[in-house]
Amino acid sequence: MQGKIKPIFRLMQNALKIKILSDDNFFARKVEHRLKAEDGWTCLVKNNVEREIDVPDLTADIVIIAYDFIRLTPEIVLEKLKTSYPHAKIIGIVPENSLVIMKDFLLDKDVIDIVRMCDIVYDMIFNHVINIRQDLILVKQLRKLSKQNSEVFLSKAHSMSQVQELINKAANSDINVSIFGETGTGKEVAARRIHSLSKRADAPFVAVNVTAIPSELIESSFFGHEKGAFTGAASLKKGFFEAASGGTLFLDEIGDMDLKMQTKILRALQEGVITRVGGTNEIKIDTRIITATHVNLQEAIEKGTFREDLFYRLMGLNINMPRLSDRGEDILLLANHFIREYCTKSKKPLCKISKKAQDVLLTYSFPGNIRELKAMIELAIVLSEDNIIRAEDLTLRTSCVRKKDFLEEERTLEEYEAIIIKHFLEKYSNKVRLVAEKLNISKTKIYNLLQENKL
């Protein structure tokens, strides 16, 4: 079995980090010795379990814990492990007569298994580590494929190629990023893309809409709270900063954040630590911040609704998301993407967009941007007949239908000239002499075009 596993290990760029926590040093060293029979991971033995479960380690992949659960209950130990080792899978080693109290461990998603202390315990631990290793290989391969697929925007617009270039630069650094744009332009999509292409891709991405959090809960939501910190705090809870530690915290609509909370966020960013509500211990965080807003923050600073020092702390790299109506043919590109997505999910035949419906989409201003286009297309699919989306299937806000600029269509100079002359003839009631004077052309030219039916 071991010989078959080794080639797979070479697929991994980083070694698996395993922490062995046990007050029985002899047992811990035997586990370490058994695991060292295989390449592809590093082991670290730590005694004094009750102390070590309070020492944060964001880099551990697996924690093997052997503890008697006399002074601390399984529930407390599990909560401490998940706080200190948020990205690790847990393997618990217990005496056989203690299994009855281990239900909290057995039911938790981060606990791989409970291993009884027996003659083959070392081989059982080894096999569990092997399985975890193989799972991580598959997860990383899938994430790599996801990254490759996410590198291409559904766009041909020059403005979006500039956005993609900035996203790639942001992903190759750890700088904070500020994304600006109207609602529905894809600010969160851009933030997720930066995260998925960055070195933090394997860690959590936590998205928060600041305006959706009630004011009385905002501090607890960001920093977490201790058990009993306030009425209703029945258990310890991690906040957004802890949940995103090692990864990315995306703060949407940051411009609408309360000033008092802005001060606390600034302190957390400056010092790299937080304190849970009701707690006294400082918790170190390693979180990349990406913010988004439709608010002009410079104007908000002048009005006194946004802190200037927080503005400069968050600013970093700026990315401006263009409006959908400024992206030209991208409208049809995205519309067809949403058709494929919705029809596949609904198990419906693929729809096509009629030429007239395409013209309607290209002349609509899309105040709701991409989000509005997606909703519009999904409704049109439901309303359509014969798998054809027609103009009447599109639900538009009539005030937002814009006249198409005739320069958007490619024509010859002669064709443009004829359009302009026709416009002025209609404007001045077909008075050829007046139109000729206005356009500084000869009457003969107009008469010739009329004779040739080009007007």
Protein backbone atom coordinates (compact mmCIF):
# COMPACT_ATOMS: atom_id res chain seq x y z
CA MET A 1 0.00 0.00 0.00
CA GLN A 2 2.72 2.46 0.94
CA GLY A 3 4.49 2.01 -2.39
CA LYS A 4 1.32 3.05 -4.24
CA ILE A 5 0.87 6.19 -2.20
CA LYS A 6 4.32 7.71 -2.71
CA PRO A 7 3.87 8.78 -6.37
CA ILE A 8 0.68 10.60 -5.43
CA PHE A 9 2.56 12.59 -2.79
CA ARG A 10 4.74 14.11 -5.48
CA LEU A 11 1.68 15.92 -6.80
CA MET A 12 1.64 18.06 -3.68
CA GLN A 13 3.83 21.14 -3.52
CA ASN A 14 3.64 21.55 0.26
CA ALA A 15 4.18 18.91 2.94
CA LEU A 16 1.28 17.99 5.19
CA LYS A 17 1.75 19.41 8.69
CA ILE A 18 0.68 17.11 11.52
CA LYS A 19 0.55 18.06 15.22
CA ILE A 20 0.48 15.28 17.81
CA LEU A 21 -0.93 16.44 21.15
CA SER A 22 -0.54 14.01 24.06
CA ASP A 23 0.48 14.09 27.71
CA ASP A 24 1.93 10.58 27.19
CA ASN A 25 5.26 11.39 25.54
CA PHE A 26 6.07 7.70 24.89
CA PHE A 27 2.80 7.23 22.97
CA ALA A 28 3.28 10.47 21.03
CA ARG A 29 6.81 9.54 19.96
CA LYS A 30 5.65 6.10 18.78
CA VAL A 31 2.95 7.78 16.65
CA GLU A 32 5.58 10.14 15.26
CA HIS A 33 7.90 7.23 14.48
CA ARG A 34 5.14 5.32 12.66
CA LEU A 35 4.21 8.34 10.56
CA LYS A 36 7.82 9.10 9.70
CA ALA A 37 7.93 5.80 7.84
CA GLU A 38 6.29 7.70 5.00
CA ASP A 39 7.36 10.82 3.11
CA GLY A 40 5.14 13.78 2.35
CA TRP A 41 4.42 15.21 5.80
CA THR A 42 6.04 16.73 8.84
CA CYS A 43 5.23 15.81 12.45
CA LEU A 44 5.42 17.97 15.55
CA VAL A 45 4.94 16.44 19.02
CA LYS A 46 3.50 18.66 21.76
CA ASN A 47 2.95 17.61 25.39
CA ASN A 48 0.65 19.34 27.90
CA VAL A 49 -2.56 19.05 25.91
CA GLU A 50 -4.53 21.57 27.98
CA ARG A 51 -1.99 24.27 27.20
CA GLU A 52 -1.44 23.39 23.54
CA ILE A 53 -5.13 23.40 22.59
CA ASP A 54 -5.11 27.12 23.39
CA VAL A 55 -2.10 27.87 21.17
CA PRO A 56 -3.31 29.01 17.71
CA ASP A 57 -1.79 27.39 14.63
CA LEU A 58 -3.30 28.30 11.28
CA THR A 59 -0.90 26.08 9.33
CA ALA A 60 -1.71 22.67 10.84
CA ASP A 61 -3.45 20.26 8.46
CA ILE A 62 -4.08 17.44 10.95
CA VAL A 63 -4.24 17.37 14.75
CA ILE A 64 -3.91 13.99 16.47
CA ILE A 65 -5.02 14.32 20.10
CA ALA A 66 -4.75 11.75 22.88
CA TYR A 67 -6.42 13.06 26.05
CA ASP A 68 -8.27 11.56 29.02
CA PHE A 69 -11.04 14.22 29.16
CA ILE A 70 -11.01 14.27 32.96
CA ARG A 71 -10.40 17.98 33.60
CA LEU A 72 -11.89 19.22 30.33
CA THR A 73 -14.99 17.78 28.65
CA PRO A 74 -14.96 16.65 25.00
CA GLU A 75 -17.21 19.62 24.12
CA ILE A 76 -14.73 22.16 25.56
CA VAL A 77 -11.72 20.43 24.01
CA LEU A 78 -13.38 20.32 20.59
CA GLU A 79 -14.32 24.01 20.71
CA LYS A 80 -10.76 24.97 21.69
CA LEU A 81 -9.26 22.81 18.94
CA LYS A 82 -11.51 24.34 16.29
CA THR A 83 -10.60 27.84 17.48
CA SER A 84 -6.84 27.24 17.64
CA TYR A 85 -6.59 24.96 14.58
CA PRO A 86 -9.35 26.26 12.26
CA HIS A 87 -8.06 24.58 9.08
CA ALA A 88 -7.10 21.21 10.58
CA LYS A 89 -8.79 17.81 10.48
CA ILE A 90 -8.89 16.13 13.90
CA ILE A 91 -8.16 12.51 14.85
CA GLY A 92 -9.06 11.67 18.44
CA ILE A 93 -7.37 8.83 20.36
CA VAL A 94 -9.28 7.63 23.43
CA PRO A 95 -9.40 4.63 25.79
CA GLU A 96 -12.16 2.21 24.86
CA ASN A 97 -14.11 2.89 28.05
CA SER A 98 -14.35 6.60 27.13
CA LEU A 99 -16.14 6.21 23.80
CA VAL A 100 -19.57 6.82 25.33
CA ILE A 101 -18.69 10.46 26.13
CA MET A 102 -17.29 11.16 22.65
CA LYS A 103 -20.53 11.84 20.76
CA ASP A 104 -19.62 15.53 20.25
CA PHE A 105 -16.39 14.48 18.56
CA LEU A 106 -18.05 11.84 16.42
CA LEU A 107 -20.75 14.19 15.14
CA ASP A 108 -18.43 17.05 14.20
CA LYS A 109 -17.52 17.56 10.54
CA ASP A 110 -13.86 18.39 11.32
CA VAL A 111 -13.28 15.15 13.23
CA ILE A 112 -12.18 12.38 10.90
CA ASP A 113 -12.61 9.58 13.41
CA ILE A 114 -12.22 8.38 16.97
CA VAL A 115 -9.53 5.70 17.28
CA ARG A 116 -9.63 3.26 20.20
CA MET A 117 -6.39 2.65 22.05
CA CYS A 118 -5.47 -0.86 20.98
CA ASP A 119 -2.61 -3.00 19.63
CA ILE A 120 -2.97 -1.67 16.08
CA VAL A 121 -3.64 1.96 16.99
CA TYR A 122 -0.47 3.19 15.23
CA ASP A 123 -1.43 1.53 11.94
CA MET A 124 -4.97 2.91 12.25
CA ILE A 125 -3.63 6.43 12.72
CA PHE A 126 -1.31 5.97 9.76
CA ASN A 127 -4.20 4.86 7.52
CA HIS A 128 -6.31 7.86 8.54
CA VAL A 129 -3.48 10.23 7.66
CA ILE A 130 -3.04 8.51 4.30
CA ASN A 131 -6.75 9.01 3.53
CA ILE A 132 -6.66 12.67 4.53
CA ARG A 133 -3.61 13.17 2.35
CA GLN A 134 -5.35 11.69 -0.68
CA ASP A 135 -8.44 13.84 -0.09
CA LEU A 136 -6.30 16.98 0.06
CA ILE A 137 -4.60 16.04 -3.20
CA LEU A 138 -7.98 15.79 -4.95
CA VAL A 139 -9.21 19.05 -3.40
CA LYS A 140 -6.10 20.94 -4.49
CA GLN A 141 -6.31 19.52 -8.01
CA LEU A 142 -9.96 20.61 -8.28
CA ARG A 143 -9.08 24.07 -6.99
CA LYS A 144 -6.28 24.32 -9.53
CA LEU A 145 -8.73 23.51 -12.34
CA SER A 146 -11.16 26.05 -10.91
CA LYS A 147 -8.43 28.69 -10.92
CA GLN A 148 -7.61 27.95 -14.56
CA ASN A 149 -11.26 28.27 -15.55
CA SER A 150 -11.71 31.49 -13.57
CA GLU A 151 -8.88 33.25 -15.39
CA VAL A 152 -11.10 34.06 -18.35
CA PHE A 153 -13.78 36.74 -18.05
CA LEU A 154 -16.90 36.48 -20.13
CA SER A 155 -15.93 39.65 -21.93
CA LYS A 156 -14.48 41.12 -25.10
CA ALA A 157 -14.62 44.70 -23.86
CA HIS A 158 -11.37 46.62 -23.45
CA SER A 159 -12.53 47.99 -20.08
CA MET A 160 -12.86 44.45 -18.73
CA SER A 161 -9.42 43.44 -19.99
CA GLN A 162 -8.07 46.27 -17.83
CA VAL A 163 -10.05 44.92 -14.86
CA GLN A 164 -8.65 41.42 -15.46
CA GLU A 165 -5.11 42.81 -15.55
CA LEU A 166 -5.62 44.52 -12.18
CA ILE A 167 -7.17 41.35 -10.73
CA ASN A 168 -4.10 39.35 -11.74
CA LYS A 169 -1.81 41.93 -10.13
CA ALA A 170 -3.91 41.88 -6.96
CA ALA A 171 -3.82 38.07 -6.85
CA ASN A 172 -0.03 38.04 -7.07
CA SER A 173 0.31 40.23 -3.99
CA ASP A 174 -1.26 40.51 -0.55
CA ILE A 175 -2.27 44.17 -0.88
CA ASN A 176 -5.73 45.24 0.23
CA VAL A 177 -8.09 45.90 -2.68
CA SER A 178 -10.95 48.39 -3.11
CA ILE A 179 -13.55 47.64 -5.79
CA PHE A 180 -15.84 50.41 -6.99
CA GLY A 181 -18.89 50.22 -9.22
CA GLU A 182 -22.65 50.38 -9.43
CA THR A 183 -24.83 47.70 -7.87
CA GLY A 184 -24.84 44.54 -9.96
CA THR A 185 -21.59 45.15 -11.85
CA GLY A 186 -19.91 42.06 -10.37
CA LYS A 187 -17.86 43.45 -7.48
CA GLU A 188 -18.13 40.25 -5.43
CA VAL A 189 -17.32 38.13 -8.49
CA ALA A 190 -14.11 40.14 -8.91
CA ALA A 191 -13.28 39.73 -5.20
CA ARG A 192 -13.77 35.95 -5.36
CA ARG A 193 -11.59 35.81 -8.47
CA ILE A 194 -8.76 37.62 -6.69
CA HIS A 195 -9.03 35.17 -3.78
CA SER A 196 -9.17 32.05 -5.97
CA LEU A 197 -6.05 33.09 -7.90
CA SER A 198 -4.07 34.10 -4.81
CA LYS A 199 -1.89 32.11 -2.43
CA ARG A 200 -4.82 32.24 0.02
CA ALA A 201 -7.08 30.20 -2.27
CA ASP A 202 -7.07 27.16 0.03
CA ALA A 203 -8.22 29.25 3.01
CA PRO A 204 -11.74 30.66 3.58
CA PHE A 205 -13.36 33.44 1.57
CA VAL A 206 -15.91 35.22 3.80
CA ALA A 207 -18.28 37.69 2.12
CA VAL A 208 -20.13 40.20 4.30
CA ASN A 209 -22.73 42.77 3.27
CA VAL A 210 -22.22 45.47 5.88
CA THR A 211 -25.69 46.95 5.41
CA ALA A 212 -27.40 43.61 6.14
CA ILE A 213 -26.13 43.36 9.74
CA PRO A 214 -28.31 44.89 12.50
CA SER A 215 -26.43 47.61 14.39
CA GLU A 216 -26.78 45.81 17.73
CA LEU A 217 -25.10 42.69 16.32
CA ILE A 218 -22.37 44.20 14.16
CA GLU A 219 -19.54 44.08 16.73
CA SER A 220 -20.30 40.48 17.68
CA SER A 221 -20.59 39.56 13.99
CA PHE A 222 -17.12 40.90 13.16
CA PHE A 223 -15.21 39.97 16.32
CA GLY A 224 -17.21 37.07 17.75
CA HIS A 225 -18.29 36.70 21.38
CA GLU A 226 -17.58 34.59 24.42
CA LYS A 227 -20.19 32.37 26.01
CA GLY A 228 -22.40 34.46 28.29
CA ALA A 229 -21.11 37.78 26.90
CA PHE A 230 -24.72 39.01 26.60
CA THR A 231 -28.26 37.69 26.79
CA GLY A 232 -28.63 35.00 24.14
CA ALA A 233 -24.89 34.24 23.86
CA ALA A 234 -25.33 30.58 24.75
CA SER A 235 -21.97 29.52 23.35
CA LEU A 236 -18.69 30.89 22.04
CA LYS A 237 -18.94 32.23 18.51
CA LYS A 238 -16.23 33.22 16.06
CA GLY A 239 -16.65 36.47 14.15
CA PHE A 240 -15.94 37.25 10.51
CA PHE A 241 -12.28 38.13 11.14
CA GLU A 242 -11.54 34.78 12.81
CA ALA A 243 -13.56 32.84 10.25
CA ALA A 244 -11.54 34.43 7.43
CA SER A 245 -8.15 34.22 9.14
CA GLY A 246 -5.60 32.92 6.67
CA GLY A 247 -7.96 33.80 3.83
CA THR A 248 -9.93 36.78 2.55
CA LEU A 249 -12.63 38.94 4.15
CA PHE A 250 -14.80 40.73 1.57
CA LEU A 251 -16.67 43.73 2.96
CA ASP A 252 -19.42 44.83 0.59
CA GLU A 253 -20.89 48.34 0.91
CA ILE A 254 -18.15 49.40 3.34
CA GLY A 255 -19.13 53.04 2.72
CA ASP A 256 -22.32 52.52 4.74
CA MET A 257 -20.57 51.26 7.89
CA ASP A 258 -21.30 53.03 11.19
CA LEU A 259 -18.52 55.43 12.32
CA LYS A 260 -18.13 53.74 15.72
CA MET A 261 -17.59 50.38 14.03
CA GLN A 262 -15.15 51.95 11.57
CA THR A 263 -12.93 52.85 14.52
CA LYS A 264 -12.90 49.26 15.80
CA ILE A 265 -12.22 47.86 12.33
CA LEU A 266 -9.31 50.28 11.95
CA ARG A 267 -7.76 49.11 15.22
CA ALA A 268 -8.07 45.44 14.19
CA LEU A 269 -6.35 46.16 10.86
CA GLN A 270 -3.58 48.25 12.40
CA GLU A 271 -2.71 45.82 15.20
CA GLY A 272 -3.58 42.53 13.51
CA VAL A 273 -5.51 41.36 16.59
CA ILE A 274 -9.13 41.23 17.74
CA THR A 275 -10.86 40.65 21.06
CA ARG A 276 -14.17 38.83 21.22
CA VAL A 277 -17.12 40.60 22.85
CA GLY A 278 -17.04 39.68 26.53
CA GLY A 279 -13.46 38.43 26.28
CA THR A 280 -10.06 39.76 27.33
CA ASN A 281 -7.64 37.69 25.25
CA GLU A 282 -6.25 39.21 22.07
CA ILE A 283 -6.53 36.86 19.07
CA LYS A 284 -4.03 37.26 16.24
CA ILE A 285 -5.54 37.39 12.77
CA ASP A 286 -4.04 37.09 9.30
CA THR A 287 -6.79 38.30 7.01
CA ARG A 288 -6.66 39.97 3.62
CA ILE A 289 -9.29 42.67 3.20
CA ILE A 290 -11.15 43.37 -0.04
CA THR A 291 -13.80 46.09 0.10
CA ALA A 292 -16.49 47.21 -2.30
CA THR A 293 -18.82 50.18 -2.40
CA HIS A 294 -20.95 52.27 -4.73
CA VAL A 295 -20.42 55.28 -2.44
CA ASN A 296 -17.90 58.00 -3.31
CA LEU A 297 -15.68 57.63 -0.25
CA GLN A 298 -13.88 60.94 -0.85
CA GLU A 299 -17.22 62.74 -0.60
CA ALA A 300 -18.13 60.62 2.46
CA ILE A 301 -14.89 61.73 4.16
CA GLU A 302 -15.72 65.38 3.45
CA LYS A 303 -19.20 64.87 4.93
CA GLY A 304 -17.70 63.21 8.01
CA THR A 305 -19.44 59.85 7.46
CA PHE A 306 -16.26 57.90 6.69
CA ARG A 307 -12.90 57.94 8.50
CA GLU A 308 -10.02 59.22 6.42
CA ASP A 309 -7.47 57.01 8.22
CA LEU A 310 -9.57 53.90 7.54
CA PHE A 311 -9.91 54.99 3.90
CA TYR A 312 -6.12 54.99 3.46
CA ARG A 313 -5.77 51.70 5.38
CA LEU A 314 -8.26 49.95 3.10
CA MET A 315 -7.54 51.68 -0.20
CA GLY A 316 -4.66 49.59 -1.57
CA LEU A 317 -5.26 48.72 -5.22
CA ASN A 318 -8.34 50.29 -6.84
CA ILE A 319 -10.49 48.40 -9.35
CA ASN A 320 -13.41 50.11 -11.12
CA MET A 321 -16.09 47.81 -12.49
CA PRO A 322 -17.69 49.27 -15.66
CA ARG A 323 -21.45 49.46 -16.15
CA LEU A 324 -22.93 46.70 -18.28
CA SER A 325 -24.31 49.26 -20.74
CA ASP A 326 -20.73 50.38 -21.41
CA ARG A 327 -19.58 46.87 -22.33
CA GLY A 328 -21.19 46.61 -25.78
CA GLU A 329 -21.31 43.09 -27.20
CA ASP A 330 -20.60 41.66 -23.72
CA ILE A 331 -24.34 42.02 -23.12
CA LEU A 332 -25.08 39.26 -25.67
CA LEU A 333 -22.13 37.19 -24.48
CA LEU A 334 -23.41 37.24 -20.91
CA ALA A 335 -27.01 36.73 -22.00
CA ASN A 336 -26.08 33.51 -23.81
CA HIS A 337 -24.08 32.38 -20.78
CA PHE A 338 -27.13 32.87 -18.52
CA ILE A 339 -29.28 30.99 -21.06
CA ARG A 340 -26.92 27.98 -20.95
CA GLU A 341 -26.73 28.14 -17.17
CA TYR A 342 -30.49 28.36 -16.58
CA CYS A 343 -31.51 25.86 -19.25
CA THR A 344 -28.98 23.31 -18.00
CA LYS A 345 -30.14 23.73 -14.40
CA SER A 346 -33.81 23.53 -15.41
CA LYS A 347 -33.23 20.70 -17.91
CA LYS A 348 -34.79 22.75 -20.71
CA PRO A 349 -33.72 22.92 -24.38
CA LEU A 350 -31.30 25.76 -25.07
CA CYS A 351 -33.00 28.97 -26.17
CA LYS A 352 -31.83 31.37 -28.85
CA ILE A 353 -32.21 35.14 -28.87
CA SER A 354 -33.96 36.60 -31.91
CA LYS A 355 -32.29 39.41 -33.84
CA LYS A 356 -34.89 41.93 -32.68
CA ALA A 357 -34.44 40.85 -29.05
CA GLN A 358 -30.67 41.24 -29.44
CA ASP A 359 -31.19 44.80 -30.68
CA VAL A 360 -33.41 45.52 -27.68
CA LEU A 361 -30.77 44.23 -25.26
CA LEU A 362 -28.06 46.31 -26.92
CA THR A 363 -30.14 49.50 -26.65
CA TYR A 364 -31.20 49.04 -23.01
CA SER A 365 -29.33 50.92 -20.28
CA PHE A 366 -29.48 48.13 -17.62
CA PRO A 367 -29.70 50.20 -14.43
CA GLY A 368 -29.38 46.93 -12.48
CA ASN A 369 -26.36 45.88 -14.59
CA ILE A 370 -25.43 42.17 -14.78
CA ARG A 371 -27.82 41.18 -12.00
CA GLU A 372 -30.73 42.69 -13.94
CA LEU A 373 -29.65 41.00 -17.17
CA LYS A 374 -29.56 37.59 -15.48
CA ALA A 375 -33.05 38.03 -13.99
CA MET A 376 -34.37 39.34 -17.31
CA ILE A 377 -33.00 36.36 -19.27
CA GLU A 378 -34.32 33.77 -16.81
CA LEU A 379 -37.81 35.28 -16.97
CA ALA A 380 -37.62 35.50 -20.78
CA ILE A 381 -36.80 31.76 -20.98
CA VAL A 382 -39.93 30.99 -18.96
CA LEU A 383 -42.07 33.26 -21.16
CA SER A 384 -40.60 32.19 -24.49
CA GLU A 385 -42.18 29.83 -27.00
CA ASP A 386 -40.43 27.50 -29.46
CA ASN A 387 -37.15 28.03 -27.55
CA ILE A 388 -36.82 31.51 -29.08
CA ILE A 389 -36.49 34.61 -26.90
CA ARG A 390 -38.33 37.42 -28.67
CA ALA A 391 -38.35 41.13 -27.91
CA GLU A 392 -41.77 40.87 -26.24
CA ASP A 393 -40.36 38.27 -23.79
CA LEU A 394 -37.93 40.83 -22.37
CA THR A 395 -39.19 42.78 -19.37
CA LEU A 396 -37.74 46.28 -19.59
CA ARG A 397 -38.09 49.51 -17.69
CA THR A 398 -39.33 51.69 -20.56
CA SER A 399 -37.58 54.78 -19.20
CA CYS A 400 -34.25 52.97 -19.52
CA VAL A 401 -34.45 52.09 -23.22
CA ARG A 402 -31.87 54.26 -24.93
CA LYS A 403 -31.64 55.18 -28.59
CA LYS A 404 -28.81 53.39 -30.26
CA ASP A 405 -26.03 55.70 -31.38
CA PHE A 406 -25.83 55.39 -35.15
CA LEU A 407 -22.03 55.54 -34.87
CA GLU A 408 -22.10 52.17 -33.05
CA GLU A 409 -22.95 50.48 -36.35
CA GLU A 410 -20.27 50.18 -38.98
CA ARG A 411 -21.26 51.95 -42.20
CA THR A 412 -19.52 53.50 -45.18
CA LEU A 413 -18.93 57.26 -45.26
CA GLU A 414 -21.49 57.51 -48.06
CA GLU A 415 -24.11 55.74 -45.93
CA TYR A 416 -23.43 58.02 -42.97
CA GLU A 417 -23.73 61.03 -45.28
CA ALA A 418 -27.11 59.85 -46.55
CA ILE A 419 -28.39 59.34 -42.97
CA ILE A 420 -27.36 62.87 -41.98
CA ILE A 421 -28.97 64.47 -45.08
CA LYS A 422 -32.18 62.49 -44.52
CA HIS A 423 -32.30 63.63 -40.88
CA PHE A 424 -32.05 67.31 -41.87
CA LEU A 425 -34.60 66.95 -44.69
CA GLU A 426 -37.08 65.55 -42.15
CA LYS A 427 -36.18 68.29 -39.66
CA TYR A 428 -36.70 71.12 -42.19
CA SER A 429 -39.77 69.70 -44.02
CA ASN A 430 -37.84 68.61 -47.16
CA LYS A 431 -36.63 72.15 -47.96
CA VAL A 432 -33.64 71.21 -50.11
CA ARG A 433 -32.16 74.72 -50.38
CA LEU A 434 -32.24 75.23 -46.59
CA VAL A 435 -30.68 71.79 -45.90
CA ALA A 436 -27.96 72.45 -48.48
CA GLU A 437 -27.12 75.71 -46.72
CA LYS A 438 -27.12 74.13 -43.27
CA LEU A 439 -24.79 71.30 -44.35
CA ASN A 440 -22.73 73.43 -46.72
CA ILE A 441 -23.30 71.09 -49.67
CA SER A 442 -24.78 71.58 -53.15
CA LYS A 443 -28.50 71.15 -53.89
CA THR A 444 -27.47 68.89 -56.82
CA LYS A 445 -25.93 66.38 -54.37
CA ILE A 446 -29.22 66.11 -52.47
CA TYR A 447 -31.29 65.79 -55.65
CA ASN A 448 -28.98 63.06 -56.97
CA LEU A 449 -29.35 61.05 -53.73
CA LEU A 450 -33.13 61.44 -53.87
CA GLN A 451 -33.18 60.30 -57.51
CA GLU A 452 -31.07 57.23 -56.63
CA ASN A 453 -33.43 56.38 -53.70
CA LYS A 454 -30.55 56.59 -51.23
CA LEU A 455 -32.56 58.84 -48.91
